[in-house]
């Protein structure tokens, strides 16, 4: 991947710009931890969400963003309260940024 002039972004062969901010990796790690805590592999959660397994893998590795509706679907599939989760994620991001 060639480095783009925009900080933290890389350009792929298809010229799509990928944001490589560490927050996406932390969010993906959080999603993976939630899935694993629920005792699910990637395939079952991908079926619950109607997404390909590769999509889940990319999200969990910080290489794919999800929108708010997909986030809500993920929370619902795992029985997680979205508002509480957002608060926890925000607090974790603030702690990490302060370090």
C-alpha atoms as a PDB file:
ATOM      1  CA  UNK A   1       0.000   0.000   0.000  1.00  0.00           C
ATOM      2  CA  UNK A   2       1.252   3.441  -0.845  1.00  0.00           C
ATOM      3  CA  UNK A   3       1.121   6.093   1.856  1.00  0.00           C
ATOM      4  CA  UNK A   4      -1.484   8.774   1.173  1.00  0.00           C
ATOM      5  CA  UNK A   5      -0.765  12.414   1.927  1.00  0.00           C
ATOM      6  CA  UNK A   6      -3.509  12.337   4.578  1.00  0.00           C
ATOM      7  CA  UNK A   7      -2.195  11.313   8.007  1.00  0.00           C
ATOM      8  CA  UNK A   8      -3.134   7.793   9.037  1.00  0.00           C
ATOM      9  CA  UNK A   9      -4.616   6.762   5.707  1.00  0.00           C
ATOM     10  CA  UNK A  10      -3.316   4.353   3.106  1.00  0.00           C
ATOM     11  CA  UNK A  11      -4.284   3.899  -0.503  1.00  0.00           C
ATOM     12  CA  UNK A  12      -4.877   0.392  -1.868  1.00  0.00           C
ATOM     13  CA  UNK A  13      -4.474  -0.829  -5.429  1.00  0.00           C
ATOM     14  CA  UNK A  14      -8.132   0.087  -6.009  1.00  0.00           C
ATOM     15  CA  UNK A  15      -7.403   3.642  -4.807  1.00  0.00           C
ATOM     16  CA  UNK A  16      -9.745   3.299  -1.852  1.00  0.00           C
ATOM     17  CA  UNK A  17      -8.523   5.187   1.169  1.00  0.00           C
ATOM     18  CA  UNK A  18      -8.442   3.121   4.347  1.00  0.00           C
ATOM     19  CA  UNK A  19      -8.381   4.900   7.683  1.00  0.00           C
ATOM     20  CA  UNK A  20      -5.820   3.193   9.894  1.00  0.00           C
ATOM     21  CA  UNK A  21      -6.494   5.114  13.105  1.00  0.00           C
ATOM     22  CA  UNK A  22      -5.900   2.955  16.185  1.00  0.00           C
ATOM     23  CA  UNK A  23      -9.486   3.558  17.348  1.00  0.00           C
ATOM     24  CA  UNK A  24     -10.750   1.251  14.599  1.00  0.00           C
ATOM     25  CA  UNK A  25      -8.451  -1.528  15.770  1.00  0.00           C
ATOM     26  CA  UNK A  26      -9.557  -1.031  19.390  1.00  0.00           C
ATOM     27  CA  UNK A  27     -13.213  -1.028  18.340  1.00  0.00           C
ATOM     28  CA  UNK A  28     -12.685  -4.208  16.331  1.00  0.00           C
ATOM     29  CA  UNK A  29     -10.932  -5.846  19.289  1.00  0.00           C
ATOM     30  CA  UNK A  30     -13.869  -4.869  21.486  1.00  0.00           C
ATOM     31  CA  UNK A  31     -16.321  -6.386  18.989  1.00  0.00           C
ATOM     32  CA  UNK A  32     -14.315  -9.600  18.888  1.00  0.00           C
ATOM     33  CA  UNK A  33     -14.231  -9.769  22.700  1.00  0.00           C
ATOM     34  CA  UNK A  34     -18.014  -9.314  22.845  1.00  0.00           C
ATOM     35  CA  UNK A  35     -18.575 -12.026  20.247  1.00  0.00           C
ATOM     36  CA  UNK A  36     -16.239 -14.417  22.021  1.00  0.00           C
ATOM     37  CA  UNK A  37     -17.839 -13.645  25.413  1.00  0.00           C
ATOM     38  CA  UNK A  38     -21.153 -14.679  23.854  1.00  0.00           C
ATOM     39  CA  UNK A  39     -19.522 -17.955  22.790  1.00  0.00           C
ATOM     40  CA  UNK A  40     -19.940 -17.280  19.069  1.00  0.00           C
ATOM     41  CA  UNK A  41     -17.585 -17.892  16.184  1.00  0.00           C
ATOM     42  CA  UNK A  42     -17.484 -15.467  13.249  1.00  0.00           C
ATOM     43  CA  UNK A  43     -19.716 -17.604  11.025  1.00  0.00           C
ATOM     44  CA  UNK A  44     -22.778 -17.671  13.333  1.00  0.00           C
ATOM     45  CA  UNK A  45     -22.623 -13.930  14.050  1.00  0.00           C
ATOM     46  CA  UNK A  46     -22.204 -13.206  10.345  1.00  0.00           C
ATOM     47  CA  UNK A  47     -25.357 -15.235   9.656  1.00  0.00           C
ATOM     48  CA  UNK A  48     -27.253 -13.428  12.419  1.00  0.00           C
ATOM     49  CA  UNK A  49     -26.246 -10.098  10.878  1.00  0.00           C
ATOM     50  CA  UNK A  50     -26.751 -11.183   7.273  1.00  0.00           C
ATOM     51  CA  UNK A  51     -23.138 -10.312   6.453  1.00  0.00           C
ATOM     52  CA  UNK A  52     -20.325 -12.382   4.957  1.00  0.00           C
ATOM     53  CA  UNK A  53     -17.899 -13.909   7.456  1.00  0.00           C
ATOM     54  CA  UNK A  54     -15.111 -11.866   5.822  1.00  0.00           C
ATOM     55  CA  UNK A  55     -16.970  -8.675   6.807  1.00  0.00           C
ATOM     56  CA  UNK A  56     -16.881  -9.674  10.488  1.00  0.00           C
ATOM     57  CA  UNK A  57     -13.190 -10.553  10.220  1.00  0.00           C
ATOM     58  CA  UNK A  58     -12.341  -7.192   8.668  1.00  0.00           C
ATOM     59  CA  UNK A  59     -14.310  -5.277  11.303  1.00  0.00           C
ATOM     60  CA  UNK A  60     -12.602  -7.184  14.096  1.00  0.00           C
ATOM     61  CA  UNK A  61      -9.191  -6.339  12.645  1.00  0.00           C
ATOM     62  CA  UNK A  62      -9.964  -2.654  12.151  1.00  0.00           C
ATOM     63  CA  UNK A  63      -9.996  -2.904   8.364  1.00  0.00           C
ATOM     64  CA  UNK A  64     -13.747  -2.386   7.857  1.00  0.00           C
ATOM     65  CA  UNK A  65     -15.963   0.279   9.322  1.00  0.00           C
ATOM     66  CA  UNK A  66     -19.539  -0.328  10.361  1.00  0.00           C
ATOM     67  CA  UNK A  67     -22.340   2.180  10.443  1.00  0.00           C
ATOM     68  CA  UNK A  68     -24.634   2.891  13.361  1.00  0.00           C
ATOM     69  CA  UNK A  69     -27.367   0.556  12.111  1.00  0.00           C
ATOM     70  CA  UNK A  70     -24.896  -2.330  11.801  1.00  0.00           C
ATOM     71  CA  UNK A  71     -23.603  -1.536  15.300  1.00  0.00           C
ATOM     72  CA  UNK A  72     -27.159  -1.669  16.659  1.00  0.00           C
ATOM     73  CA  UNK A  73     -27.746  -4.986  14.856  1.00  0.00           C
ATOM     74  CA  UNK A  74     -24.538  -6.375  16.377  1.00  0.00           C
ATOM     75  CA  UNK A  75     -25.574  -5.290  19.877  1.00  0.00           C
ATOM     76  CA  UNK A  76     -29.041  -6.768  19.438  1.00  0.00           C
ATOM     77  CA  UNK A  77     -27.644 -10.075  18.156  1.00  0.00           C
ATOM     78  CA  UNK A  78     -25.489 -10.378  21.289  1.00  0.00           C
ATOM     79  CA  UNK A  79     -28.012  -8.956  23.741  1.00  0.00           C
ATOM     80  CA  UNK A  80     -25.836  -5.929  24.502  1.00  0.00           C
ATOM     81  CA  UNK A  81     -27.328  -2.552  25.466  1.00  0.00           C
ATOM     82  CA  UNK A  82     -26.092  -0.080  22.793  1.00  0.00           C
ATOM     83  CA  UNK A  83     -26.212   3.048  24.997  1.00  0.00           C
ATOM     84  CA  UNK A  84     -24.181   1.430  27.761  1.00  0.00           C
ATOM     85  CA  UNK A  85     -21.756   0.064  25.205  1.00  0.00           C
ATOM     86  CA  UNK A  86     -21.202   3.475  23.613  1.00  0.00           C
ATOM     87  CA  UNK A  87     -20.484   4.944  27.032  1.00  0.00           C
ATOM     88  CA  UNK A  88     -17.936   2.223  27.742  1.00  0.00           C
ATOM     89  CA  UNK A  89     -16.286   2.668  24.341  1.00  0.00           C
ATOM     90  CA  UNK A  90     -16.125   6.441  24.777  1.00  0.00           C
ATOM     91  CA  UNK A  91     -14.574   6.096  28.240  1.00  0.00           C
ATOM     92  CA  UNK A  92     -12.000   3.608  26.919  1.00  0.00           C
ATOM     93  CA  UNK A  93     -11.109   5.916  24.043  1.00  0.00           C
ATOM     94  CA  UNK A  94     -10.633   8.866  26.414  1.00  0.00           C
ATOM     95  CA  UNK A  95      -8.396   6.772  28.712  1.00  0.00           C
ATOM     96  CA  UNK A  96      -6.285   5.639  25.759  1.00  0.00           C
ATOM     97  CA  UNK A  97      -6.020   9.154  24.319  1.00  0.00           C
ATOM     98  CA  UNK A  98      -4.889  10.542  27.675  1.00  0.00           C
ATOM     99  CA  UNK A  99      -2.004   8.033  27.877  1.00  0.00           C
END
